[in-house]
Amino acid sequence: MSRHIIYLIMLVLPCLCVAPRAGAQIVADTQQKINSDSVRRAFDNGPYFGLYKDNYFIFGTAVGNERPSRTNTNIKFQVSIAQRLTRSTLPWNTYLFLFYSQKCFWNVLEKSMPMTDLNFNPGIGLAKPLFVKDRFLGKLTLMLEHESNGRDGAASRSWNKVSLAASVIIDPQITVHGKAWIPIIDGQNNRDILDYCGIYQIGTSFSSANQRFGASVILVKRRGWKLNYNVIVELNFRLFKKENQYFFIQYYNGYGEGLLAYKEFHSQLRAGIVIKPKLFSDY
């Protein structure tokens, strides 16, 4: 994707409406300032087990220069959960979490409907709520994560990351986030994975005043000095006022969408359903 398209996305996106993410959802629901005590009580008294990243089930095909076919039309789904391991804060007011995400590509139009790629992403890390003048600002997470596809031989893909992620609430309708990592590449068949799956990511989300419509963009910077980004654009519409289920459209443009074919360029448009966490949704 050229730099002009990336700039256009970043300029146009604030004009769209977006689904709430992370702490922005808390702020929008209460419509008032949230101080440090109330947020800490929400962490301490909340359930130990919950959602981590978005959980979605979407179907679509290739767009752009590639002609749609049975091999490039598929279902993509993601399951992502988190388990809080500590009841109250650790030093520096942090909480210890276990994270687990699983992403799958399912070619339902091909004979026998094979699941062509299955990616596993467990992790453990410390999450810290952020405050400025006793007002909740967002979250900082330091974690160790592993990602692999569970295959052996020439199809094996595997790497590890020490990641630092942050989500910051600009106002109840705008959230920005970023994530950078130190890679530890142990897979013999993906030594060049940073050239395709990136070295850091940034993004922004916007929400409508009534929290029904939404949009977000995520840019994943591939290794090198060029403006070479993998781009993810997402649109959301809340199906029911008091639920966290959304009609979901996702556009992916770039490399590294799945581990098995991380060197292949994909331009995919899919639609389906997404379930978002009540508190924090990570990327």
C-alpha atoms as a PDB file:
ATOM      1  CA  MET A   1       0.000   0.000   0.000  1.00  0.00           C
ATOM      2  CA  SER A   2       1.455   3.398  -0.975  1.00  0.00           C
ATOM      3  CA  ARG A   3       2.143   6.164   1.499  1.00  0.00           C
ATOM      4  CA  HIS A   4      -0.615   8.246  -0.091  1.00  0.00           C
ATOM      5  CA  ILE A   5      -3.260   5.624   0.769  1.00  0.00           C
ATOM      6  CA  ILE A   6      -1.962   5.374   4.330  1.00  0.00           C
ATOM      7  CA  TYR A   7      -2.106   9.151   4.748  1.00  0.00           C
ATOM      8  CA  LEU A   8      -5.631   9.198   3.314  1.00  0.00           C
ATOM      9  CA  ILE A   9      -6.809   6.572   5.797  1.00  0.00           C
ATOM     10  CA  MET A  10      -5.382   8.511   8.725  1.00  0.00           C
ATOM     11  CA  LEU A  11      -7.056  11.728   7.534  1.00  0.00           C
ATOM     12  CA  VAL A  12     -10.460  10.245   6.762  1.00  0.00           C
ATOM     13  CA  LEU A  13     -10.780   7.901   9.740  1.00  0.00           C
ATOM     14  CA  PRO A  14     -11.561  10.588  12.362  1.00  0.00           C
ATOM     15  CA  CYS A  15     -14.662  11.458  10.342  1.00  0.00           C
ATOM     16  CA  LEU A  16     -16.012   7.926  10.811  1.00  0.00           C
ATOM     17  CA  CYS A  17     -17.667   6.478  13.882  1.00  0.00           C
ATOM     18  CA  VAL A  18     -16.017   3.828  15.936  1.00  0.00           C
ATOM     19  CA  ALA A  19     -16.711   1.082  18.418  1.00  0.00           C
ATOM     20  CA  PRO A  20     -15.529   1.672  21.997  1.00  0.00           C
ATOM     21  CA  ARG A  21     -12.260   0.092  23.030  1.00  0.00           C
ATOM     22  CA  ALA A  22     -10.539  -0.490  26.332  1.00  0.00           C
ATOM     23  CA  GLY A  23     -10.939   2.305  28.874  1.00  0.00           C
ATOM     24  CA  ALA A  24     -12.832   4.530  26.409  1.00  0.00           C
ATOM     25  CA  GLN A  25     -15.774   2.182  26.874  1.00  0.00           C
ATOM     26  CA  ILE A  26     -15.694   2.726  30.634  1.00  0.00           C
ATOM     27  CA  VAL A  27     -15.618   6.500  30.225  1.00  0.00           C
ATOM     28  CA  ALA A  28     -18.454   6.518  27.698  1.00  0.00           C
ATOM     29  CA  ASP A  29     -20.686   4.299  29.828  1.00  0.00           C
ATOM     30  CA  THR A  30     -20.401   6.428  32.941  1.00  0.00           C
ATOM     31  CA  GLN A  31     -20.244   9.813  31.149  1.00  0.00           C
ATOM     32  CA  GLN A  32     -18.187  11.187  34.006  1.00  0.00           C
ATOM     33  CA  LYS A  33     -14.652  11.279  35.323  1.00  0.00           C
ATOM     34  CA  ILE A  34     -13.283   7.983  36.564  1.00  0.00           C
ATOM     35  CA  ASN A  35     -10.824   8.295  39.397  1.00  0.00           C
ATOM     36  CA  SER A  36      -8.083   5.889  40.335  1.00  0.00           C
ATOM     37  CA  ASP A  37      -9.994   4.281  43.213  1.00  0.00           C
ATOM     38  CA  SER A  38     -13.003   3.333  41.074  1.00  0.00           C
ATOM     39  CA  VAL A  39     -10.816   1.795  38.362  1.00  0.00           C
ATOM     40  CA  ARG A  40      -8.780  -0.181  40.863  1.00  0.00           C
ATOM     41  CA  ARG A  41     -11.985  -1.438  42.477  1.00  0.00           C
ATOM     42  CA  ALA A  42     -13.182  -2.526  39.031  1.00  0.00           C
ATOM     43  CA  PHE A  43      -9.963  -4.497  38.565  1.00  0.00           C
ATOM     44  CA  ASP A  44     -10.020  -6.006  42.071  1.00  0.00           C
ATOM     45  CA  ASN A  45     -13.722  -6.900  42.109  1.00  0.00           C
ATOM     46  CA  GLY A  46     -14.070  -7.905  38.475  1.00  0.00           C
ATOM     47  CA  PRO A  47     -13.992 -11.507  37.224  1.00  0.00           C
ATOM     48  CA  TYR A  48     -10.664 -13.276  37.012  1.00  0.00           C
ATOM     49  CA  PHE A  49     -11.487 -14.702  33.589  1.00  0.00           C
ATOM     50  CA  GLY A  50     -12.553 -12.627  30.567  1.00  0.00           C
ATOM     51  CA  LEU A  51     -11.956 -11.579  26.993  1.00  0.00           C
ATOM     52  CA  TYR A  52      -8.592 -10.164  25.869  1.00  0.00           C
ATOM     53  CA  LYS A  53      -8.564  -9.174  22.187  1.00  0.00           C
ATOM     54  CA  ASP A  54     -11.624  -9.014  19.953  1.00  0.00           C
ATOM     55  CA  ASN A  55     -13.341 -12.349  19.351  1.00  0.00           C
ATOM     56  CA  TYR A  56     -14.708 -12.522  15.820  1.00  0.00           C
ATOM     57  CA  PHE A  57     -16.011 -14.842  13.102  1.00  0.00           C
ATOM     58  CA  ILE A  58     -15.833 -13.319   9.602  1.00  0.00           C
ATOM     59  CA  PHE A  59     -16.128 -14.505   6.006  1.00  0.00           C
ATOM     60  CA  GLY A  60     -14.760 -12.889   2.841  1.00  0.00           C
ATOM     61  CA  THR A  61     -12.512 -12.984  -0.164  1.00  0.00           C
ATOM     62  CA  ALA A  62      -9.641 -11.281  -1.959  1.00  0.00           C
ATOM     63  CA  VAL A  63     -10.105  -7.754  -3.306  1.00  0.00           C
ATOM     64  CA  GLY A  64      -7.988  -5.513  -5.504  1.00  0.00           C
ATOM     65  CA  ASN A  65      -5.782  -7.079  -8.168  1.00  0.00           C
ATOM     66  CA  GLU A  66      -6.395 -10.675  -7.105  1.00  0.00           C
ATOM     67  CA  ARG A  67      -9.456 -12.401  -8.524  1.00  0.00           C
ATOM     68  CA  PRO A  68     -11.693 -14.106  -5.907  1.00  0.00           C
ATOM     69  CA  SER A  69     -11.491 -17.902  -5.970  1.00  0.00           C
ATOM     70  CA  ARG A  70     -12.134 -20.899  -3.748  1.00  0.00           C
ATOM     71  CA  THR A  71      -8.582 -20.803  -2.447  1.00  0.00           C
ATOM     72  CA  ASN A  72      -8.590 -17.129  -1.393  1.00  0.00           C
ATOM     73  CA  THR A  73     -12.170 -17.026  -0.052  1.00  0.00           C
ATOM     74  CA  ASN A  74     -12.330 -18.187   3.540  1.00  0.00           C
ATOM     75  CA  ILE A  75     -13.523 -17.801   7.094  1.00  0.00           C
ATOM     76  CA  LYS A  76     -11.190 -16.126   9.561  1.00  0.00           C
ATOM     77  CA  PHE A  77     -11.937 -16.369  13.258  1.00  0.00           C
ATOM     78  CA  GLN A  78     -10.176 -15.399  16.455  1.00  0.00           C
ATOM     79  CA  VAL A  79     -10.694 -16.505  20.057  1.00  0.00           C
ATOM     80  CA  SER A  80      -8.889 -14.456  22.712  1.00  0.00           C
ATOM     81  CA  ILE A  81      -9.094 -14.714  26.518  1.00  0.00           C
ATOM     82  CA  ALA A  82      -7.282 -13.426  29.605  1.00  0.00           C
ATOM     83  CA  GLN A  83      -6.935 -14.781  33.139  1.00  0.00           C
ATOM     84  CA  ARG A  84      -6.008 -12.397  35.969  1.00  0.00           C
ATOM     85  CA  LEU A  85      -3.649 -14.205  38.358  1.00  0.00           C
ATOM     86  CA  THR A  86      -3.525 -11.641  41.192  1.00  0.00           C
ATOM     87  CA  ARG A  87      -6.426 -10.359  43.275  1.00  0.00           C
ATOM     88  CA  SER A  88      -4.875  -7.000  44.122  1.00  0.00           C
ATOM     89  CA  THR A  89      -2.030  -4.932  42.806  1.00  0.00           C
ATOM     90  CA  LEU A  90       1.597  -5.987  42.713  1.00  0.00           C
ATOM     91  CA  PRO A  91       4.475  -3.479  42.996  1.00  0.00           C
ATOM     92  CA  TRP A  92       3.994  -0.359  40.839  1.00  0.00           C
ATOM     93  CA  ASN A  93       0.228  -0.984  40.961  1.00  0.00           C
ATOM     94  CA  THR A  94       0.335  -3.757  38.356  1.00  0.00           C
ATOM     95  CA  TYR A  95      -1.714  -6.933  37.840  1.00  0.00           C
ATOM     96  CA  LEU A  96      -0.376 -10.247  36.544  1.00  0.00           C
ATOM     97  CA  PHE A  97      -2.291 -11.796  33.632  1.00  0.00           C
ATOM     98  CA  LEU A  98      -2.192 -14.902  31.463  1.00  0.00           C
ATOM     99  CA  PHE A  99      -3.205 -14.213  27.855  1.00  0.00           C
ATOM    100  CA  TYR A 100      -4.190 -16.568  25.071  1.00  0.00           C
ATOM    101  CA  SER A 101      -5.276 -15.875  21.494  1.00  0.00           C
ATOM    102  CA  GLN A 102      -5.938 -18.312  18.665  1.00  0.00           C
ATOM    103  CA  LYS A 103      -6.498 -17.312  15.041  1.00  0.00           C
ATOM    104  CA  CYS A 104      -7.670 -19.653  12.294  1.00  0.00           C
ATOM    105  CA  PHE A 105      -8.159 -19.533   8.513  1.00  0.00           C
ATOM    106  CA  TRP A 106     -10.810 -21.949   7.265  1.00  0.00           C
ATOM    107  CA  ASN A 107     -11.222 -22.561   3.525  1.00  0.00           C
ATOM    108  CA  VAL A 108     -14.871 -23.593   3.587  1.00  0.00           C
ATOM    109  CA  LEU A 109     -15.310 -23.529  -0.220  1.00  0.00           C
ATOM    110  CA  GLU A 110     -12.599 -26.097  -0.909  1.00  0.00           C
ATOM    111  CA  LYS A 111     -13.134 -29.844  -0.890  1.00  0.00           C
ATOM    112  CA  SER A 112     -13.138 -31.230   2.681  1.00  0.00           C
ATOM    113  CA  MET A 113     -13.161 -27.594   3.976  1.00  0.00           C
ATOM    114  CA  PRO A 114      -9.577 -27.571   5.347  1.00  0.00           C
ATOM    115  CA  MET A 115      -8.376 -25.273   8.105  1.00  0.00           C
ATOM    116  CA  THR A 116      -5.286 -24.112   6.294  1.00  0.00           C
ATOM    117  CA  ASP A 117      -3.579 -22.150   9.058  1.00  0.00           C
ATOM    118  CA  LEU A 118      -3.975 -22.187  12.838  1.00  0.00           C
ATOM    119  CA  ASN A 119      -1.947 -19.703  14.913  1.00  0.00           C
ATOM    120  CA  PHE A 120      -1.426 -20.008  18.692  1.00  0.00           C
ATOM    121  CA  ASN A 121      -0.446 -16.950  20.753  1.00  0.00           C
ATOM    122  CA  PRO A 122      -0.088 -17.471  24.548  1.00  0.00           C
ATOM    123  CA  GLY A 123       1.535 -14.909  26.833  1.00  0.00           C
ATOM    124  CA  ILE A 124       2.064 -13.716  30.383  1.00  0.00           C
ATOM    125  CA  GLY A 125       2.516 -10.158  31.521  1.00  0.00           C
ATOM    126  CA  LEU A 126       1.916  -7.229  33.843  1.00  0.00           C
ATOM    127  CA  ALA A 127      -0.863  -4.717  33.187  1.00  0.00           C
ATOM    128  CA  LYS A 128      -0.870  -1.276  34.803  1.00  0.00           C
ATOM    129  CA  PRO A 129      -3.798   1.185  34.732  1.00  0.00           C
ATOM    130  CA  LEU A 130      -2.612   4.708  33.902  1.00  0.00           C
ATOM    131  CA  PHE A 131      -3.804   7.843  35.723  1.00  0.00           C
ATOM    132  CA  VAL A 132      -3.244  11.578  35.354  1.00  0.00           C
ATOM    133  CA  LYS A 133      -4.466  13.827  38.172  1.00  0.00           C
ATOM    134  CA  ASP A 134      -6.552  10.961  39.542  1.00  0.00           C
ATOM    135  CA  ARG A 135      -8.293  10.452  36.198  1.00  0.00           C
ATOM    136  CA  PHE A 136      -8.132   7.144  34.336  1.00  0.00           C
ATOM    137  CA  LEU A 137      -6.070   7.538  31.146  1.00  0.00           C
ATOM    138  CA  GLY A 138      -5.561   4.011  29.799  1.00  0.00           C
ATOM    139  CA  LYS A 139      -3.392   0.954  30.290  1.00  0.00           C
ATOM    140  CA  LEU A 140       0.243  -0.133  29.951  1.00  0.00           C
ATOM    141  CA  THR A 141       1.156  -3.810  29.449  1.00  0.00           C
ATOM    142  CA  LEU A 142       4.561  -5.520  29.529  1.00  0.00           C
ATOM    143  CA  MET A 143       4.400  -9.130  28.409  1.00  0.00           C
ATOM    144  CA  LEU A 144       6.291 -12.153  27.128  1.00  0.00           C
ATOM    145  CA  GLU A 145       4.424 -13.858  24.292  1.00  0.00           C
ATOM    146  CA  HIS A 146       4.922 -16.807  21.983  1.00  0.00           C
ATOM    147  CA  GLU A 147       3.399 -17.337  18.548  1.00  0.00           C
ATOM    148  CA  SER A 148       3.538 -20.483  16.441  1.00  0.00           C
ATOM    149  CA  ASN A 149       1.413 -22.564  14.084  1.00  0.00           C
ATOM    150  CA  GLY A 150       1.893 -25.969  15.721  1.00  0.00           C
ATOM    151  CA  ARG A 151       3.326 -27.529  12.562  1.00  0.00           C
ATOM    152  CA  ASP A 152       6.597 -29.380  12.037  1.00  0.00           C
ATOM    153  CA  GLY A 153       9.047 -29.673   9.177  1.00  0.00           C
ATOM    154  CA  ALA A 154       9.050 -27.083   6.403  1.00  0.00           C
ATOM    155  CA  ALA A 155       5.630 -25.739   7.468  1.00  0.00           C
ATOM    156  CA  SER A 156       6.772 -24.865  11.007  1.00  0.00           C
ATOM    157  CA  ARG A 157       6.625 -21.189  12.050  1.00  0.00           C
ATOM    158  CA  SER A 158       7.567 -19.889  15.498  1.00  0.00           C
ATOM    159  CA  TRP A 159       8.786 -16.753  17.264  1.00  0.00           C
ATOM    160  CA  ASN A 160       8.728 -15.068  20.681  1.00  0.00           C
ATOM    161  CA  LYS A 161       8.395 -11.419  21.684  1.00  0.00           C
ATOM    162  CA  VAL A 162       8.971  -9.230  24.713  1.00  0.00           C
ATOM    163  CA  SER A 163       6.232  -6.666  24.076  1.00  0.00           C
ATOM    164  CA  LEU A 164       5.351  -3.277  25.542  1.00  0.00           C
ATOM    165  CA  ALA A 165       1.844  -2.035  24.687  1.00  0.00           C
ATOM    166  CA  ALA A 166      -0.097   1.082  25.662  1.00  0.00           C
ATOM    167  CA  SER A 167      -3.647   2.318  25.098  1.00  0.00           C
ATOM    168  CA  VAL A 168      -4.355   5.989  25.842  1.00  0.00           C
ATOM    169  CA  ILE A 169      -7.789   7.625  26.009  1.00  0.00           C
ATOM    170  CA  ILE A 170      -7.734  11.037  24.345  1.00  0.00           C
ATOM    171  CA  ASP A 171     -11.431  11.584  25.109  1.00  0.00           C
ATOM    172  CA  PRO A 172     -14.468   9.248  25.443  1.00  0.00           C
ATOM    173  CA  GLN A 173     -14.601   8.872  21.653  1.00  0.00           C
ATOM    174  CA  ILE A 174     -10.902   8.707  20.711  1.00  0.00           C
ATOM    175  CA  THR A 175      -8.302   6.145  21.752  1.00  0.00           C
ATOM    176  CA  VAL A 176      -4.758   5.711  20.450  1.00  0.00           C
ATOM    177  CA  HIS A 177      -2.626   2.648  20.996  1.00  0.00           C
ATOM    178  CA  GLY A 178       0.848   1.369  20.230  1.00  0.00           C
ATOM    179  CA  LYS A 179       2.866  -1.784  20.686  1.00  0.00           C
ATOM    180  CA  ALA A 180       6.573  -2.503  20.180  1.00  0.00           C
ATOM    181  CA  TRP A 181       8.487  -5.714  20.705  1.00  0.00           C
ATOM    182  CA  ILE A 182      11.925  -7.229  21.053  1.00  0.00           C
ATOM    183  CA  PRO A 183      11.837 -10.386  18.880  1.00  0.00           C
ATOM    184  CA  ILE A 184      13.352 -13.738  19.842  1.00  0.00           C
ATOM    185  CA  ILE A 185      13.114 -15.782  16.651  1.00  0.00           C
ATOM    186  CA  ASP A 186      13.477 -19.517  17.252  1.00  0.00           C
ATOM    187  CA  GLY A 187      11.801 -20.839  14.101  1.00  0.00           C
ATOM    188  CA  GLN A 188      14.224 -22.178  11.514  1.00  0.00           C
ATOM    189  CA  ASN A 189      11.854 -21.455   8.618  1.00  0.00           C
ATOM    190  CA  ASN A 190      10.935 -17.856   9.465  1.00  0.00           C
ATOM    191  CA  ARG A 191      14.198 -16.060  10.150  1.00  0.00           C
ATOM    192  CA  ASP A 192      13.038 -13.103   8.042  1.00  0.00           C
ATOM    193  CA  ILE A 193       9.673 -12.766   9.774  1.00  0.00           C
ATOM    194  CA  LEU A 194      10.323  -9.126  10.802  1.00  0.00           C
ATOM    195  CA  ASP A 195      10.379  -8.174   7.114  1.00  0.00           C
ATOM    196  CA  TYR A 196       6.731  -9.269   6.906  1.00  0.00           C
ATOM    197  CA  CYS A 197       5.162  -9.332  10.375  1.00  0.00           C
ATOM    198  CA  GLY A 198       6.768  -6.131  11.565  1.00  0.00           C
ATOM    199  CA  ILE A 199       8.664  -4.548  14.424  1.00  0.00           C
ATOM    200  CA  TYR A 200       5.928  -2.366  15.979  1.00  0.00           C
ATOM    201  CA  GLN A 201       2.335  -1.270  15.465  1.00  0.00           C
ATOM    202  CA  ILE A 202       0.293   1.862  16.045  1.00  0.00           C
ATOM    203  CA  GLY A 203      -3.389   2.581  15.712  1.00  0.00           C
ATOM    204  CA  THR A 204      -6.359   4.723  16.611  1.00  0.00           C
ATOM    205  CA  SER A 205     -10.052   4.163  17.308  1.00  0.00           C
ATOM    206  CA  PHE A 206     -13.024   6.520  17.214  1.00  0.00           C
ATOM    207  CA  SER A 207     -16.550   6.082  18.548  1.00  0.00           C
ATOM    208  CA  SER A 208     -19.868   7.773  17.891  1.00  0.00           C
ATOM    209  CA  ALA A 209     -21.492   9.648  20.756  1.00  0.00           C
ATOM    210  CA  ASN A 210     -24.104   6.908  21.223  1.00  0.00           C
ATOM    211  CA  GLN A 211     -21.473   4.137  21.022  1.00  0.00           C
ATOM    212  CA  ARG A 212     -23.363   2.320  18.249  1.00  0.00           C
ATOM    213  CA  PHE A 213     -20.997   2.908  15.300  1.00  0.00           C
ATOM    214  CA  GLY A 214     -17.274   2.623  15.079  1.00  0.00           C
ATOM    215  CA  ALA A 215     -14.068   2.416  13.086  1.00  0.00           C
ATOM    216  CA  SER A 216     -10.405   1.778  13.761  1.00  0.00           C
ATOM    217  CA  VAL A 217      -7.141   1.498  11.869  1.00  0.00           C
ATOM    218  CA  ILE A 218      -3.994  -0.444  12.808  1.00  0.00           C
ATOM    219  CA  LEU A 219      -0.651   0.047  11.050  1.00  0.00           C
ATOM    220  CA  VAL A 220       2.029  -2.633  11.502  1.00  0.00           C
ATOM    221  CA  LYS A 221       5.479  -1.389  10.464  1.00  0.00           C
ATOM    222  CA  ARG A 222       7.545  -3.950   8.581  1.00  0.00           C
ATOM    223  CA  ARG A 223      11.315  -3.886   9.037  1.00  0.00           C
ATOM    224  CA  GLY A 224      13.164  -1.251   7.015  1.00  0.00           C
ATOM    225  CA  TRP A 225      13.239   2.508   6.520  1.00  0.00           C
ATOM    226  CA  LYS A 226      10.518   2.610   3.855  1.00  0.00           C
ATOM    227  CA  LEU A 227       6.861   3.378   4.596  1.00  0.00           C
ATOM    228  CA  ASN A 228       6.006  -0.316   4.367  1.00  0.00           C
ATOM    229  CA  TYR A 229       3.009  -1.023   6.584  1.00  0.00           C
ATOM    230  CA  ASN A 230       0.516  -3.822   6.933  1.00  0.00           C
ATOM    231  CA  VAL A 231      -2.828  -2.023   7.235  1.00  0.00           C
ATOM    232  CA  ILE A 232      -5.973  -3.219   9.035  1.00  0.00           C
ATOM    233  CA  VAL A 233      -9.181  -1.173   8.837  1.00  0.00           C
ATOM    234  CA  GLU A 234     -12.217  -2.216  10.884  1.00  0.00           C
ATOM    235  CA  LEU A 235     -15.822  -0.965  10.954  1.00  0.00           C
ATOM    236  CA  ASN A 236     -18.319  -1.900  13.674  1.00  0.00           C
ATOM    237  CA  PHE A 237     -22.027  -1.525  14.328  1.00  0.00           C
ATOM    238  CA  ARG A 238     -23.489  -2.514  17.692  1.00  0.00           C
ATOM    239  CA  LEU A 239     -26.415  -4.861  17.080  1.00  0.00           C
ATOM    240  CA  PHE A 240     -28.141  -4.338  20.432  1.00  0.00           C
ATOM    241  CA  LYS A 241     -27.883  -1.296  22.659  1.00  0.00           C
ATOM    242  CA  LYS A 242     -26.811  -3.061  25.843  1.00  0.00           C
ATOM    243  CA  GLU A 243     -24.763  -5.882  24.314  1.00  0.00           C
ATOM    244  CA  ASN A 244     -21.138  -6.101  23.192  1.00  0.00           C
ATOM    245  CA  GLN A 245     -21.898  -7.876  19.906  1.00  0.00           C
ATOM    246  CA  TYR A 246     -21.247  -6.004  16.667  1.00  0.00           C
ATOM    247  CA  PHE A 247     -21.665  -6.439  12.961  1.00  0.00           C
ATOM    248  CA  PHE A 248     -18.036  -6.322  11.865  1.00  0.00           C
ATOM    249  CA  ILE A 249     -16.159  -5.521   8.650  1.00  0.00           C
ATOM    250  CA  GLN A 250     -12.394  -6.033   8.460  1.00  0.00           C
ATOM    251  CA  TYR A 251     -10.048  -5.071   5.605  1.00  0.00           C
ATOM    252  CA  TYR A 252      -6.502  -6.477   5.680  1.00  0.00           C
ATOM    253  CA  ASN A 253      -3.821  -5.226   3.281  1.00  0.00           C
ATOM    254  CA  GLY A 254      -0.258  -6.484   3.563  1.00  0.00           C
ATOM    255  CA  TYR A 255       1.816  -9.466   4.659  1.00  0.00           C
ATOM    256  CA  GLY A 256       1.795 -11.636   7.765  1.00  0.00           C
ATOM    257  CA  GLU A 257      -1.947 -12.128   8.160  1.00  0.00           C
ATOM    258  CA  GLY A 258      -1.249 -15.770   9.042  1.00  0.00           C
ATOM    259  CA  LEU A 259       2.008 -17.465  10.014  1.00  0.00           C
ATOM    260  CA  LEU A 260       2.071 -20.228   7.417  1.00  0.00           C
ATOM    261  CA  ALA A 261       1.925 -17.856   4.419  1.00  0.00           C
ATOM    262  CA  TYR A 262       3.495 -14.844   6.165  1.00  0.00           C
ATOM    263  CA  LYS A 263       5.531 -13.985   3.024  1.00  0.00           C
ATOM    264  CA  GLU A 264       2.441 -13.789   0.802  1.00  0.00           C
ATOM    265  CA  PHE A 265       0.692 -10.476   0.193  1.00  0.00           C
ATOM    266  CA  HIS A 266      -3.021 -10.441   1.023  1.00  0.00           C
ATOM    267  CA  SER A 267      -5.730  -7.885   0.348  1.00  0.00           C
ATOM    268  CA  GLN A 268      -8.819  -9.353   2.025  1.00  0.00           C
ATOM    269  CA  LEU A 269     -12.266  -7.978   2.839  1.00  0.00           C
ATOM    270  CA  ARG A 270     -14.380  -9.955   5.316  1.00  0.00           C
ATOM    271  CA  ALA A 271     -17.574  -9.395   7.285  1.00  0.00           C
ATOM    272  CA  GLY A 272     -19.228 -11.117  10.230  1.00  0.00           C
ATOM    273  CA  ILE A 273     -19.687 -10.795  13.987  1.00  0.00           C
ATOM    274  CA  VAL A 274     -17.300  -9.526  16.667  1.00  0.00           C
ATOM    275  CA  ILE A 275     -17.593  -9.746  20.456  1.00  0.00           C
ATOM    276  CA  LYS A 276     -15.659  -7.102  22.348  1.00  0.00           C
ATOM    277  CA  PRO A 277     -14.433  -7.157  25.948  1.00  0.00           C
ATOM    278  CA  LYS A 278     -16.339  -4.997  28.423  1.00  0.00           C
ATOM    279  CA  LEU A 279     -13.194  -3.293  29.693  1.00  0.00           C
ATOM    280  CA  PHE A 280     -10.001  -3.585  27.661  1.00  0.00           C
ATOM    281  CA  SER A 281      -9.621  -4.780  24.098  1.00  0.00           C
ATOM    282  CA  ASP A 282      -6.026  -5.220  23.006  1.00  0.00           C
ATOM    283  CA  TYR A 283      -4.317  -5.629  19.641  1.00  0.00           C
END
